[in-house]
Amino acid sequence: MAIVYDGSRLEEYVREAVKASPEHPILVDRFLEDAFEVDVDALGDGERVVIGGILQHIEEAGIHSGDSAMVLPTTRSRRRTWRRSAATRGGSAWPSG
């Protein structure tokens, strides 16, 4: 695995990966710089979503959840972010009132 920041390094890495394992696929992913990652535990019935907990990863976004440390409650997220996110998925992240 490698994190690359330019096309020439990506080409070099792909050549090395194909040479090392020509029968296997290469996964290429893109990460957001300075992003943070959260895990949301929620229940939904098709009309309403109830969030039981929001855990924020301590490591940079992209670290496997099983290998990361997390904090509860989150330190970087805001209620309006969760409302907007839930609304785009057809639910309500927070009870009104």
Foldseek 3Di string as FASTA:
>chain_A
DDDDDDDVVVVVVVVVVCVVPVVDDDDDDDDDPPDWDKDWDWDDDQAAIETPFIWTWPDHPPPDPVPTDTDPPDDPDDPVVQQVVQVVVNYGHDDDD
